[in-house]
Amino acid sequence: MIHLSLPSALAALLAGLGVYGVLARRNAVLVLIGVELILNAANLLLVTAGSRPGAPLSAGPVITLLVITIAAAEITVALAIILVMFRRTGHIDLTAVPDLSDEPEPTGEGAP
């Protein structure tokens, strides 16, 4: 049987890379990849905790399936928002403040 510290160390590495990806990137798609790395680290910890010897309930794999389902829904909505942002602004830079309102920008004539 594998020792439980190895998957825990791998989960810590994945979580660290995910946090770095979320905090250091300006591209929205790379931020989403960082969030997915964090969720995969959580999944790995859940499966590791559920597979330890003497665990009263093996709910880790079941909760992992729930997290995967929620992550799939989250990535779908986030990619739709990113696609709208790209169509409106022409970039997906998160440091630039996008204007996602439906109102057209006022022209020079008659604008207050």
PDB file of N, CA and C in Angstrom:
ATOM      1  N   MET A   1       0.833  -1.180   0.000  1.00  0.00           N
ATOM      2  CA  MET A   1       0.000   0.000   0.000  1.00  0.00           C
ATOM      3  C   MET A   1       0.883   1.250   0.000  1.00  0.00           C
ATOM      4  N   ILE A   2       0.423   2.274  -0.680  1.00  0.00           N
ATOM      5  CA  ILE A   2       1.180   3.509  -0.784  1.00  0.00           C
ATOM      6  C   ILE A   2       1.041   4.312   0.507  1.00  0.00           C
ATOM      7  N   HIS A   3       2.107   4.976   0.879  1.00  0.00           N
ATOM      8  CA  HIS A   3       2.077   5.807   2.080  1.00  0.00           C
ATOM      9  C   HIS A   3       1.268   7.065   1.790  1.00  0.00           C
ATOM     10  N   LEU A   4       0.530   7.547   2.755  1.00  0.00           N
ATOM     11  CA  LEU A   4      -0.388   8.667   2.531  1.00  0.00           C
ATOM     12  C   LEU A   4       0.310  10.019   2.398  1.00  0.00           C
ATOM     13  N   SER A   5       1.588  10.070   2.736  1.00  0.00           N
ATOM     14  CA  SER A   5       2.283  11.362   2.624  1.00  0.00           C
ATOM     15  C   SER A   5       2.619  11.706   1.171  1.00  0.00           C
ATOM     16  N   LEU A   6       2.767  10.711   0.311  1.00  0.00           N
ATOM     17  CA  LEU A   6       3.093  10.998  -1.092  1.00  0.00           C
ATOM     18  C   LEU A   6       1.933  11.688  -1.827  1.00  0.00           C
ATOM     19  N   PRO A   7       0.710  11.173  -1.761  1.00  0.00           N
ATOM     20  CA  PRO A   7      -0.376  11.918  -2.407  1.00  0.00           C
ATOM     21  C   PRO A   7      -0.646  13.272  -1.750  1.00  0.00           C
ATOM     22  N   SER A   8      -0.402  13.367  -0.447  1.00  0.00           N
ATOM     23  CA  SER A   8      -0.588  14.655   0.230  1.00  0.00           C
ATOM     24  C   SER A   8       0.430  15.675  -0.245  1.00  0.00           C
ATOM     25  N   ALA A   9       1.659  15.241  -0.457  1.00  0.00           N
ATOM     26  CA  ALA A   9       2.689  16.145  -0.977  1.00  0.00           C
ATOM     27  C   ALA A   9       2.366  16.566  -2.414  1.00  0.00           C
ATOM     28  N   LEU A  10       1.867  15.627  -3.212  1.00  0.00           N
ATOM     29  CA  LEU A  10       1.476  15.968  -4.579  1.00  0.00           C
ATOM     30  C   LEU A  10       0.307  16.947  -4.583  1.00  0.00           C
ATOM     31  N   ALA A  11      -0.645  16.770  -3.676  1.00  0.00           N
ATOM     32  CA  ALA A  11      -1.773  17.694  -3.571  1.00  0.00           C
ATOM     33  C   ALA A  11      -1.295  19.079  -3.144  1.00  0.00           C
ATOM     34  N   ALA A  12      -0.326  19.133  -2.243  1.00  0.00           N
ATOM     35  CA  ALA A  12       0.215  20.427  -1.829  1.00  0.00           C
ATOM     36  C   ALA A  12       0.924  21.112  -2.995  1.00  0.00           C
ATOM     37  N   LEU A  13       1.649  20.355  -3.793  1.00  0.00           N
ATOM     38  CA  LEU A  13       2.310  20.907  -4.972  1.00  0.00           C
ATOM     39  C   LEU A  13       1.296  21.434  -5.982  1.00  0.00           C
ATOM     40  N   LEU A  14       0.238  20.649  -6.229  1.00  0.00           N
ATOM     41  CA  LEU A  14      -0.803  21.087  -7.158  1.00  0.00           C
ATOM     42  C   LEU A  14      -1.509  22.345  -6.648  1.00  0.00           C
ATOM     43  N   ALA A  15      -1.794  22.383  -5.354  1.00  0.00           N
ATOM     44  CA  ALA A  15      -2.460  23.553  -4.780  1.00  0.00           C
ATOM     45  C   ALA A  15      -1.551  24.781  -4.854  1.00  0.00           C
ATOM     46  N   GLY A  16      -0.270  24.608  -4.597  1.00  0.00           N
ATOM     47  CA  GLY A  16       0.672  25.723  -4.692  1.00  0.00           C
ATOM     48  C   GLY A  16       0.773  26.269  -6.103  1.00  0.00           C
ATOM     49  N   LEU A  17       0.841  25.366  -7.089  1.00  0.00           N
ATOM     50  CA  LEU A  17       0.880  25.813  -8.481  1.00  0.00           C
ATOM     51  C   LEU A  17      -0.422  26.502  -8.875  1.00  0.00           C
ATOM     52  N   GLY A  18      -1.544  25.995  -8.364  1.00  0.00           N
ATOM     53  CA  GLY A  18      -2.825  26.613  -8.662  1.00  0.00           C
ATOM     54  C   GLY A  18      -2.946  28.002  -8.065  1.00  0.00           C
ATOM     55  N   VAL A  19      -2.508  28.173  -6.833  1.00  0.00           N
ATOM     56  CA  VAL A  19      -2.556  29.494  -6.204  1.00  0.00           C
ATOM     57  C   VAL A  19      -1.644  30.467  -6.943  1.00  0.00           C
ATOM     58  N   TYR A  20      -0.473  30.002  -7.343  1.00  0.00           N
ATOM     59  CA  TYR A  20       0.413  30.855  -8.134  1.00  0.00           C
ATOM     60  C   TYR A  20      -0.256  31.244  -9.453  1.00  0.00           C
ATOM     61  N   GLY A  21      -0.923  30.288 -10.103  1.00  0.00           N
ATOM     62  CA  GLY A  21      -1.598  30.573 -11.364  1.00  0.00           C
ATOM     63  C   GLY A  21      -2.725  31.573 -11.210  1.00  0.00           C
ATOM     64  N   VAL A  22      -3.423  31.531 -10.088  1.00  0.00           N
ATOM     65  CA  VAL A  22      -4.522  32.471  -9.865  1.00  0.00           C
ATOM     66  C   VAL A  22      -3.989  33.860  -9.541  1.00  0.00           C
ATOM     67  N   LEU A  23      -2.958  33.939  -8.719  1.00  0.00           N
ATOM     68  CA  LEU A  23      -2.476  35.239  -8.253  1.00  0.00           C
ATOM     69  C   LEU A  23      -1.540  35.946  -9.230  1.00  0.00           C
ATOM     70  N   ALA A  24      -0.784  35.200 -10.010  1.00  0.00           N
ATOM     71  CA  ALA A  24       0.260  35.826 -10.818  1.00  0.00           C
ATOM     72  C   ALA A  24      -0.125  36.037 -12.280  1.00  0.00           C
ATOM     73  N   ARG A  25      -1.213  35.473 -12.723  1.00  0.00           N
ATOM     74  CA  ARG A  25      -1.566  35.557 -14.144  1.00  0.00           C
ATOM     75  C   ARG A  25      -2.579  36.662 -14.398  1.00  0.00           C
ATOM     76  N   ARG A  26      -2.500  37.235 -15.602  1.00  0.00           N
ATOM     77  CA  ARG A  26      -3.467  38.246 -16.016  1.00  0.00           C
ATOM     78  C   ARG A  26      -4.441  37.688 -17.038  1.00  0.00           C
ATOM     79  N   ASN A  27      -4.100  36.591 -17.668  1.00  0.00           N
ATOM     80  CA  ASN A  27      -4.948  35.974 -18.667  1.00  0.00           C
ATOM     81  C   ASN A  27      -6.042  35.172 -17.965  1.00  0.00           C
ATOM     82  N   ALA A  28      -7.291  35.376 -18.367  1.00  0.00           N
ATOM     83  CA  ALA A  28      -8.418  34.744 -17.686  1.00  0.00           C
ATOM     84  C   ALA A  28      -8.398  33.226 -17.832  1.00  0.00           C
ATOM     85  N   VAL A  29      -7.964  32.723 -18.971  1.00  0.00           N
ATOM     86  CA  VAL A  29      -7.927  31.271 -19.167  1.00  0.00           C
ATOM     87  C   VAL A  29      -6.877  30.640 -18.254  1.00  0.00           C
ATOM     88  N   LEU A  30      -5.741  31.284 -18.084  1.00  0.00           N
ATOM     89  CA  LEU A  30      -4.715  30.745 -17.190  1.00  0.00           C
ATOM     90  C   LEU A  30      -5.158  30.800 -15.730  1.00  0.00           C
ATOM     91  N   VAL A  31      -5.955  31.787 -15.378  1.00  0.00           N
ATOM     92  CA  VAL A  31      -6.511  31.837 -14.023  1.00  0.00           C
ATOM     93  C   VAL A  31      -7.461  30.658 -13.819  1.00  0.00           C
ATOM     94  N   LEU A  32      -8.263  30.343 -14.831  1.00  0.00           N
ATOM     95  CA  LEU A  32      -9.158  29.187 -14.721  1.00  0.00           C
ATOM     96  C   LEU A  32      -8.387  27.879 -14.606  1.00  0.00           C
ATOM     97  N   ILE A  33      -7.265  27.786 -15.285  1.00  0.00           N
ATOM     98  CA  ILE A  33      -6.435  26.591 -15.155  1.00  0.00           C
ATOM     99  C   ILE A  33      -5.902  26.489 -13.730  1.00  0.00           C
ATOM    100  N   GLY A  34      -5.540  27.612 -13.128  1.00  0.00           N
ATOM    101  CA  GLY A  34      -5.103  27.607 -11.738  1.00  0.00           C
ATOM    102  C   GLY A  34      -6.199  27.160 -10.791  1.00  0.00           C
ATOM    103  N   VAL A  35      -7.424  27.603 -11.033  1.00  0.00           N
ATOM    104  CA  VAL A  35      -8.555  27.170 -10.199  1.00  0.00           C
ATOM    105  C   VAL A  35      -8.777  25.664 -10.348  1.00  0.00           C
ATOM    106  N   GLU A  36      -8.654  25.162 -11.561  1.00  0.00           N
ATOM    107  CA  GLU A  36      -8.814  23.723 -11.774  1.00  0.00           C
ATOM    108  C   GLU A  36      -7.709  22.930 -11.075  1.00  0.00           C
ATOM    109  N   LEU A  37      -6.497  23.452 -11.044  1.00  0.00           N
ATOM    110  CA  LEU A  37      -5.426  22.775 -10.303  1.00  0.00           C
ATOM    111  C   LEU A  37      -5.737  22.708  -8.814  1.00  0.00           C
ATOM    112  N   ILE A  38      -6.297  23.777  -8.269  1.00  0.00           N
ATOM    113  CA  ILE A  38      -6.672  23.788  -6.851  1.00  0.00           C
ATOM    114  C   ILE A  38      -7.767  22.758  -6.592  1.00  0.00           C
ATOM    115  N   LEU A  39      -8.758  22.694  -7.477  1.00  0.00           N
ATOM    116  CA  LEU A  39      -9.829  21.713  -7.303  1.00  0.00           C
ATOM    117  C   LEU A  39      -9.314  20.285  -7.441  1.00  0.00           C
ATOM    118  N   ASN A  40      -8.367  20.061  -8.333  1.00  0.00           N
ATOM    119  CA  ASN A  40      -7.788  18.721  -8.464  1.00  0.00           C
ATOM    120  C   ASN A  40      -6.964  18.344  -7.238  1.00  0.00           C
ATOM    121  N   ALA A  41      -6.319  19.319  -6.616  1.00  0.00           N
ATOM    122  CA  ALA A  41      -5.605  19.047  -5.373  1.00  0.00           C
ATOM    123  C   ALA A  41      -6.586  18.641  -4.277  1.00  0.00           C
ATOM    124  N   ALA A  42      -7.716  19.314  -4.224  1.00  0.00           N
ATOM    125  CA  ALA A  42      -8.741  18.944  -3.241  1.00  0.00           C
ATOM    126  C   ALA A  42      -9.281  17.554  -3.522  1.00  0.00           C
ATOM    127  N   ASN A  43      -9.486  17.220  -4.790  1.00  0.00           N
ATOM    128  CA  ASN A  43      -9.950  15.883  -5.146  1.00  0.00           C
ATOM    129  C   ASN A  43      -8.947  14.811  -4.726  1.00  0.00           C
ATOM    130  N   LEU A  44      -7.691  15.090  -4.949  1.00  0.00           N
ATOM    131  CA  LEU A  44      -6.660  14.134  -4.561  1.00  0.00           C
ATOM    132  C   LEU A  44      -6.635  13.927  -3.051  1.00  0.00           C
ATOM    133  N   LEU A  45      -6.797  15.000  -2.298  1.00  0.00           N
ATOM    134  CA  LEU A  45      -6.846  14.866  -0.840  1.00  0.00           C
ATOM    135  C   LEU A  45      -8.083  14.102  -0.386  1.00  0.00           C
ATOM    136  N   LEU A  46      -9.213  14.328  -1.041  1.00  0.00           N
ATOM    137  CA  LEU A  46     -10.425  13.595  -0.683  1.00  0.00           C
ATOM    138  C   LEU A  46     -10.283  12.097  -0.941  1.00  0.00           C
ATOM    139  N   VAL A  47      -9.722  11.734  -2.067  1.00  0.00           N
ATOM    140  CA  VAL A  47      -9.531  10.315  -2.383  1.00  0.00           C
ATOM    141  C   VAL A  47      -8.496   9.703  -1.439  1.00  0.00           C
ATOM    142  N   THR A  48      -7.452  10.457  -1.124  1.00  0.00           N
ATOM    143  CA  THR A  48      -6.430   9.963  -0.199  1.00  0.00           C
ATOM    144  C   THR A  48      -7.020   9.736   1.187  1.00  0.00           C
ATOM    145  N   ALA A  49      -7.820  10.688   1.666  1.00  0.00           N
ATOM    146  CA  ALA A  49      -8.425  10.532   2.988  1.00  0.00           C
ATOM    147  C   ALA A  49      -9.429   9.392   3.000  1.00  0.00           C
ATOM    148  N   GLY A  50     -10.131   9.177   1.908  1.00  0.00           N
ATOM    149  CA  GLY A  50     -11.105   8.096   1.857  1.00  0.00           C
ATOM    150  C   GLY A  50     -10.481   6.718   1.717  1.00  0.00           C
ATOM    151  N   SER A  51      -9.240   6.643   1.284  1.00  0.00           N
ATOM    152  CA  SER A  51      -8.602   5.342   1.066  1.00  0.00           C
ATOM    153  C   SER A  51      -7.666   4.927   2.194  1.00  0.00           C
ATOM    154  N   ARG A  52      -7.587   5.730   3.245  1.00  0.00           N
ATOM    155  CA  ARG A  52      -6.691   5.353   4.333  1.00  0.00           C
ATOM    156  C   ARG A  52      -7.267   4.143   5.070  1.00  0.00           C
ATOM    157  N   PRO A  53      -6.418   3.307   5.624  1.00  0.00           N
ATOM    158  CA  PRO A  53      -6.915   2.122   6.320  1.00  0.00           C
ATOM    159  C   PRO A  53      -7.657   2.511   7.601  1.00  0.00           C
ATOM    160  N   GLY A  54      -8.771   1.854   7.831  1.00  0.00           N
ATOM    161  CA  GLY A  54      -9.557   2.120   9.027  1.00  0.00           C
ATOM    162  C   GLY A  54     -10.493   3.297   8.899  1.00  0.00           C
ATOM    163  N   ALA A  55     -10.683   3.804   7.689  1.00  0.00           N
ATOM    164  CA  ALA A  55     -11.606   4.931   7.502  1.00  0.00           C
ATOM    165  C   ALA A  55     -13.034   4.423   7.694  1.00  0.00           C
ATOM    166  N   PRO A  56     -13.819   5.050   8.569  1.00  0.00           N
ATOM    167  CA  PRO A  56     -15.166   4.541   8.832  1.00  0.00           C
ATOM    168  C   PRO A  56     -16.094   4.683   7.626  1.00  0.00           C
ATOM    169  N   LEU A  57     -15.966   5.753   6.900  1.00  0.00           N
ATOM    170  CA  LEU A  57     -16.774   5.965   5.700  1.00  0.00           C
ATOM    171  C   LEU A  57     -15.843   6.236   4.531  1.00  0.00           C
ATOM    172  N   SER A  58     -16.153   5.659   3.412  1.00  0.00           N
ATOM    173  CA  SER A  58     -15.334   5.958   2.232  1.00  0.00           C
ATOM    174  C   SER A  58     -16.085   6.969   1.371  1.00  0.00           C
ATOM    175  N   ALA A  59     -16.336   8.130   1.929  1.00  0.00           N
ATOM    176  CA  ALA A  59     -17.080   9.175   1.225  1.00  0.00           C
ATOM    177  C   ALA A  59     -16.173  10.025   0.348  1.00  0.00           C
ATOM    178  N   GLY A  60     -14.862   9.869   0.457  1.00  0.00           N
ATOM    179  CA  GLY A  60     -13.931  10.671  -0.336  1.00  0.00           C
ATOM    180  C   GLY A  60     -14.153  10.569  -1.828  1.00  0.00           C
ATOM    181  N   PRO A  61     -14.231   9.343  -2.394  1.00  0.00           N
ATOM    182  CA  PRO A  61     -14.475   9.245  -3.839  1.00  0.00           C
ATOM    183  C   PRO A  61     -15.836   9.775  -4.265  1.00  0.00           C
ATOM    184  N   VAL A  62     -16.831   9.641  -3.412  1.00  0.00           N
ATOM    185  CA  VAL A  62     -18.170  10.142  -3.757  1.00  0.00           C
ATOM    186  C   VAL A  62     -18.176  11.670  -3.775  1.00  0.00           C
ATOM    187  N   ILE A  63     -17.560  12.281  -2.784  1.00  0.00           N
ATOM    188  CA  ILE A  63     -17.479  13.741  -2.754  1.00  0.00           C
ATOM    189  C   ILE A  63     -16.606  14.247  -3.903  1.00  0.00           C
ATOM    190  N   THR A  64     -15.606  13.470  -4.288  1.00  0.00           N
ATOM    191  CA  THR A  64     -14.765  13.837  -5.428  1.00  0.00           C
ATOM    192  C   THR A  64     -15.594  13.921  -6.708  1.00  0.00           C
ATOM    193  N   LEU A  65     -16.513  12.985  -6.905  1.00  0.00           N
ATOM    194  CA  LEU A  65     -17.389  13.055  -8.077  1.00  0.00           C
ATOM    195  C   LEU A  65     -18.265  14.302  -8.037  1.00  0.00           C
ATOM    196  N   LEU A  66     -18.720  14.685  -6.865  1.00  0.00           N
ATOM    197  CA  LEU A  66     -19.497  15.908  -6.724  1.00  0.00           C
ATOM    198  C   LEU A  66     -18.649  17.140  -7.070  1.00  0.00           C
ATOM    199  N   VAL A  67     -17.405  17.170  -6.606  1.00  0.00           N
ATOM    200  CA  VAL A  67     -16.520  18.298  -6.903  1.00  0.00           C
ATOM    201  C   VAL A  67     -16.215  18.367  -8.401  1.00  0.00           C
ATOM    202  N   ILE A  68     -16.029  17.223  -9.040  1.00  0.00           N
ATOM    203  CA  ILE A  68     -15.772  17.206 -10.487  1.00  0.00           C
ATOM    204  C   ILE A  68     -16.978  17.748 -11.242  1.00  0.00           C
ATOM    205  N   THR A  69     -18.182  17.385 -10.810  1.00  0.00           N
ATOM    206  CA  THR A  69     -19.396  17.873 -11.461  1.00  0.00           C
ATOM    207  C   THR A  69     -19.535  19.380 -11.303  1.00  0.00           C
ATOM    208  N   ILE A  70     -19.297  19.875 -10.107  1.00  0.00           N
ATOM    209  CA  ILE A  70     -19.389  21.315  -9.870  1.00  0.00           C
ATOM    210  C   ILE A  70     -18.305  22.054 -10.650  1.00  0.00           C
ATOM    211  N   ALA A  71     -17.104  21.473 -10.740  1.00  0.00           N
ATOM    212  CA  ALA A  71     -16.019  22.108 -11.490  1.00  0.00           C
ATOM    213  C   ALA A  71     -16.350  22.179 -12.981  1.00  0.00           C
ATOM    214  N   ALA A  72     -17.022  21.157 -13.506  1.00  0.00           N
ATOM    215  CA  ALA A  72     -17.401  21.183 -14.921  1.00  0.00           C
ATOM    216  C   ALA A  72     -18.419  22.291 -15.184  1.00  0.00           C
ATOM    217  N   ALA A  73     -19.367  22.454 -14.280  1.00  0.00           N
ATOM    218  CA  ALA A  73     -20.346  23.531 -14.439  1.00  0.00           C
ATOM    219  C   ALA A  73     -19.682  24.895 -14.302  1.00  0.00           C
ATOM    220  N   GLU A  74     -18.761  25.003 -13.355  1.00  0.00           N
ATOM    221  CA  GLU A  74     -18.058  26.277 -13.136  1.00  0.00           C
ATOM    222  C   GLU A  74     -17.228  26.671 -14.351  1.00  0.00           C
ATOM    223  N   ILE A  75     -16.539  25.725 -14.939  1.00  0.00           N
ATOM    224  CA  ILE A  75     -15.688  26.042 -16.080  1.00  0.00           C
ATOM    225  C   ILE A  75     -16.529  26.400 -17.296  1.00  0.00           C
ATOM    226  N   THR A  76     -17.704  25.814 -17.420  1.00  0.00           N
ATOM    227  CA  THR A  76     -18.595  26.143 -18.535  1.00  0.00           C
ATOM    228  C   THR A  76     -19.080  27.587 -18.435  1.00  0.00           C
ATOM    229  N   VAL A  77     -19.528  27.980 -17.265  1.00  0.00           N
ATOM    230  CA  VAL A  77     -20.005  29.350 -17.075  1.00  0.00           C
ATOM    231  C   VAL A  77     -18.853  30.344 -17.220  1.00  0.00           C
ATOM    232  N   ALA A  78     -17.710  30.021 -16.655  1.00  0.00           N
ATOM    233  CA  ALA A  78     -16.564  30.936 -16.730  1.00  0.00           C
ATOM    234  C   ALA A  78     -16.082  31.102 -18.168  1.00  0.00           C
ATOM    235  N   LEU A  79     -16.036  30.037 -18.935  1.00  0.00           N
ATOM    236  CA  LEU A  79     -15.603  30.159 -20.331  1.00  0.00           C
ATOM    237  C   LEU A  79     -16.619  30.949 -21.157  1.00  0.00           C
ATOM    238  N   ALA A  80     -17.903  30.832 -20.832  1.00  0.00           N
ATOM    239  CA  ALA A  80     -18.905  31.637 -21.524  1.00  0.00           C
ATOM    240  C   ALA A  80     -18.700  33.123 -21.221  1.00  0.00           C
ATOM    241  N   ILE A  81     -18.412  33.452 -19.982  1.00  0.00           N
ATOM    242  CA  ILE A  81     -18.159  34.846 -19.612  1.00  0.00           C
ATOM    243  C   ILE A  81     -16.896  35.360 -20.294  1.00  0.00           C
ATOM    244  N   ILE A  82     -15.866  34.533 -20.349  1.00  0.00           N
ATOM    245  CA  ILE A  82     -14.617  34.931 -21.006  1.00  0.00           C
ATOM    246  C   ILE A  82     -14.840  35.146 -22.501  1.00  0.00           C
ATOM    247  N   LEU A  83     -15.666  34.310 -23.113  1.00  0.00           N
ATOM    248  CA  LEU A  83     -15.958  34.469 -24.537  1.00  0.00           C
ATOM    249  C   LEU A  83     -16.689  35.781 -24.804  1.00  0.00           C
ATOM    250  N   VAL A  84     -17.654  36.128 -23.955  1.00  0.00           N
ATOM    251  CA  VAL A  84     -18.358  37.406 -24.096  1.00  0.00           C
ATOM    252  C   VAL A  84     -17.384  38.564 -23.893  1.00  0.00           C
ATOM    253  N   MET A  85     -16.504  38.441 -22.904  1.00  0.00           N
ATOM    254  CA  MET A  85     -15.527  39.497 -22.649  1.00  0.00           C
ATOM    255  C   MET A  85     -14.594  39.675 -23.846  1.00  0.00           C
ATOM    256  N   PHE A  86     -14.186  38.574 -24.460  1.00  0.00           N
ATOM    257  CA  PHE A  86     -13.307  38.674 -25.621  1.00  0.00           C
ATOM    258  C   PHE A  86     -14.023  39.302 -26.808  1.00  0.00           C
ATOM    259  N   ARG A  87     -15.285  38.956 -27.002  1.00  0.00           N
ATOM    260  CA  ARG A  87     -16.038  39.539 -28.118  1.00  0.00           C
ATOM    261  C   ARG A  87     -16.263  41.028 -27.922  1.00  0.00           C
ATOM    262  N   ARG A  88     -16.430  41.460 -26.688  1.00  0.00           N
ATOM    263  CA  ARG A  88     -16.695  42.879 -26.421  1.00  0.00           C
ATOM    264  C   ARG A  88     -15.428  43.724 -26.448  1.00  0.00           C
ATOM    265  N   THR A  89     -14.353  43.209 -25.833  1.00  0.00           N
ATOM    266  CA  THR A  89     -13.160  44.045 -25.669  1.00  0.00           C
ATOM    267  C   THR A  89     -12.016  43.662 -26.591  1.00  0.00           C
ATOM    268  N   GLY A  90     -11.995  42.438 -27.089  1.00  0.00           N
ATOM    269  CA  GLY A  90     -10.909  42.002 -27.952  1.00  0.00           C
ATOM    270  C   GLY A  90      -9.721  41.428 -27.200  1.00  0.00           C
ATOM    271  N   HIS A  91      -9.818  41.333 -25.879  1.00  0.00           N
ATOM    272  CA  HIS A  91      -8.757  40.732 -25.077  1.00  0.00           C
ATOM    273  C   HIS A  91      -9.380  40.084 -23.837  1.00  0.00           C
ATOM    274  N   ILE A  92      -8.587  39.284 -23.147  1.00  0.00           N
ATOM    275  CA  ILE A  92      -9.069  38.644 -21.916  1.00  0.00           C
ATOM    276  C   ILE A  92      -8.129  38.952 -20.758  1.00  0.00           C
ATOM    277  N   ASP A  93      -7.582  40.147 -20.781  1.00  0.00           N
ATOM    278  CA  ASP A  93      -6.708  40.606 -19.717  1.00  0.00           C
ATOM    279  C   ASP A  93      -7.561  41.002 -18.515  1.00  0.00           C
ATOM    280  N   LEU A  94      -7.285  40.401 -17.369  1.00  0.00           N
ATOM    281  CA  LEU A  94      -8.093  40.656 -16.185  1.00  0.00           C
ATOM    282  C   LEU A  94      -7.736  41.950 -15.479  1.00  0.00           C
ATOM    283  N   THR A  95      -6.597  42.550 -15.798  1.00  0.00           N
ATOM    284  CA  THR A  95      -6.245  43.805 -15.140  1.00  0.00           C
ATOM    285  C   THR A  95      -6.962  44.992 -15.766  1.00  0.00           C
ATOM    286  N   ALA A  96      -7.367  44.862 -17.029  1.00  0.00           N
ATOM    287  CA  ALA A  96      -8.145  45.914 -17.674  1.00  0.00           C
ATOM    288  C   ALA A  96      -9.601  45.759 -17.237  1.00  0.00           C
ATOM    289  N   VAL A  97     -10.231  46.862 -16.935  1.00  0.00           N
ATOM    290  CA  VAL A  97     -11.618  46.811 -16.483  1.00  0.00           C
ATOM    291  C   VAL A  97     -12.531  46.737 -17.701  1.00  0.00           C
ATOM    292  N   PRO A  98     -13.210  45.601 -17.894  1.00  0.00           N
ATOM    293  CA  PRO A  98     -14.073  45.504 -19.074  1.00  0.00           C
ATOM    294  C   PRO A  98     -15.438  46.158 -18.828  1.00  0.00           C
ATOM    295  N   ASP A  99     -16.011  46.690 -19.887  1.00  0.00           N
ATOM    296  CA  ASP A  99     -17.360  47.240 -19.830  1.00  0.00           C
ATOM    297  C   ASP A  99     -18.284  46.221 -20.473  1.00  0.00           C
ATOM    298  N   LEU A 100     -19.015  45.462 -19.665  1.00  0.00           N
ATOM    299  CA  LEU A 100     -19.875  44.399 -20.169  1.00  0.00           C
ATOM    300  C   LEU A 100     -21.346  44.813 -20.193  1.00  0.00           C
ATOM    301  N   SER A 101     -21.627  46.098 -20.105  1.00  0.00           N
ATOM    302  CA  SER A 101     -23.019  46.529 -20.120  1.00  0.00           C
ATOM    303  C   SER A 101     -23.575  46.446 -21.544  1.00  0.00           C
ATOM    304  N   ASP A 102     -24.895  46.393 -21.644  1.00  0.00           N
ATOM    305  CA  ASP A 102     -25.546  46.305 -22.946  1.00  0.00           C
ATOM    306  C   ASP A 102     -25.747  47.666 -23.595  1.00  0.00           C
ATOM    307  N   GLU A 103     -25.490  48.718 -22.857  1.00  0.00           N
ATOM    308  CA  GLU A 103     -25.715  50.054 -23.386  1.00  0.00           C
ATOM    309  C   GLU A 103     -24.600  50.435 -24.355  1.00  0.00           C
ATOM    310  N   PRO A 104     -24.969  51.011 -25.497  1.00  0.00           N
ATOM    311  CA  PRO A 104     -23.915  51.453 -26.431  1.00  0.00           C
ATOM    312  C   PRO A 104     -23.199  52.671 -25.869  1.00  0.00           C
ATOM    313  N   GLU A 105     -21.960  52.815 -26.257  1.00  0.00           N
ATOM    314  CA  GLU A 105     -21.185  53.966 -25.797  1.00  0.00           C
ATOM    315  C   GLU A 105     -21.689  55.219 -26.479  1.00  0.00           C
ATOM    316  N   PRO A 106     -21.788  56.331 -25.731  1.00  0.00           N
ATOM    317  CA  PRO A 106     -22.304  57.561 -26.352  1.00  0.00           C
ATOM    318  C   PRO A 106     -21.310  58.112 -27.369  1.00  0.00           C
ATOM    319  N   THR A 107     -21.871  58.629 -28.428  1.00  0.00           N
ATOM    320  CA  THR A 107     -21.023  59.265 -29.441  1.00  0.00           C
ATOM    321  C   THR A 107     -20.823  60.724 -29.060  1.00  0.00           C
ATOM    322  N   GLY A 108     -20.077  61.438 -29.835  1.00  0.00           N
ATOM    323  CA  GLY A 108     -19.774  62.833 -29.532  1.00  0.00           C
ATOM    324  C   GLY A 108     -20.949  63.770 -29.702  1.00  0.00           C
ATOM    325  N   GLU A 109     -21.978  63.363 -30.454  1.00  0.00           N
ATOM    326  CA  GLU A 109     -23.101  64.257 -30.745  1.00  0.00           C
ATOM    327  C   GLU A 109     -24.185  64.124 -29.679  1.00  0.00           C
ATOM    328  N   GLY A 110     -24.519  65.202 -29.033  1.00  0.00           N
ATOM    329  CA  GLY A 110     -25.625  65.221 -28.094  1.00  0.00           C
ATOM    330  C   GLY A 110     -25.362  64.518 -26.776  1.00  0.00           C
ATOM    331  N   ALA A 111     -24.155  64.098 -26.543  1.00  0.00           N
ATOM    332  CA  ALA A 111     -23.848  63.434 -25.285  1.00  0.00           C
ATOM    333  C   ALA A 111     -23.649  64.481 -24.204  1.00  0.00           C
ATOM    334  N   PRO A 112     -24.183  64.266 -23.001  1.00  0.00           N
ATOM    335  CA  PRO A 112     -24.019  65.264 -21.950  1.00  0.00           C
ATOM    336  C   PRO A 112     -22.612  65.357 -21.455  1.00  0.00           C
TER     337      PRO A 112
END
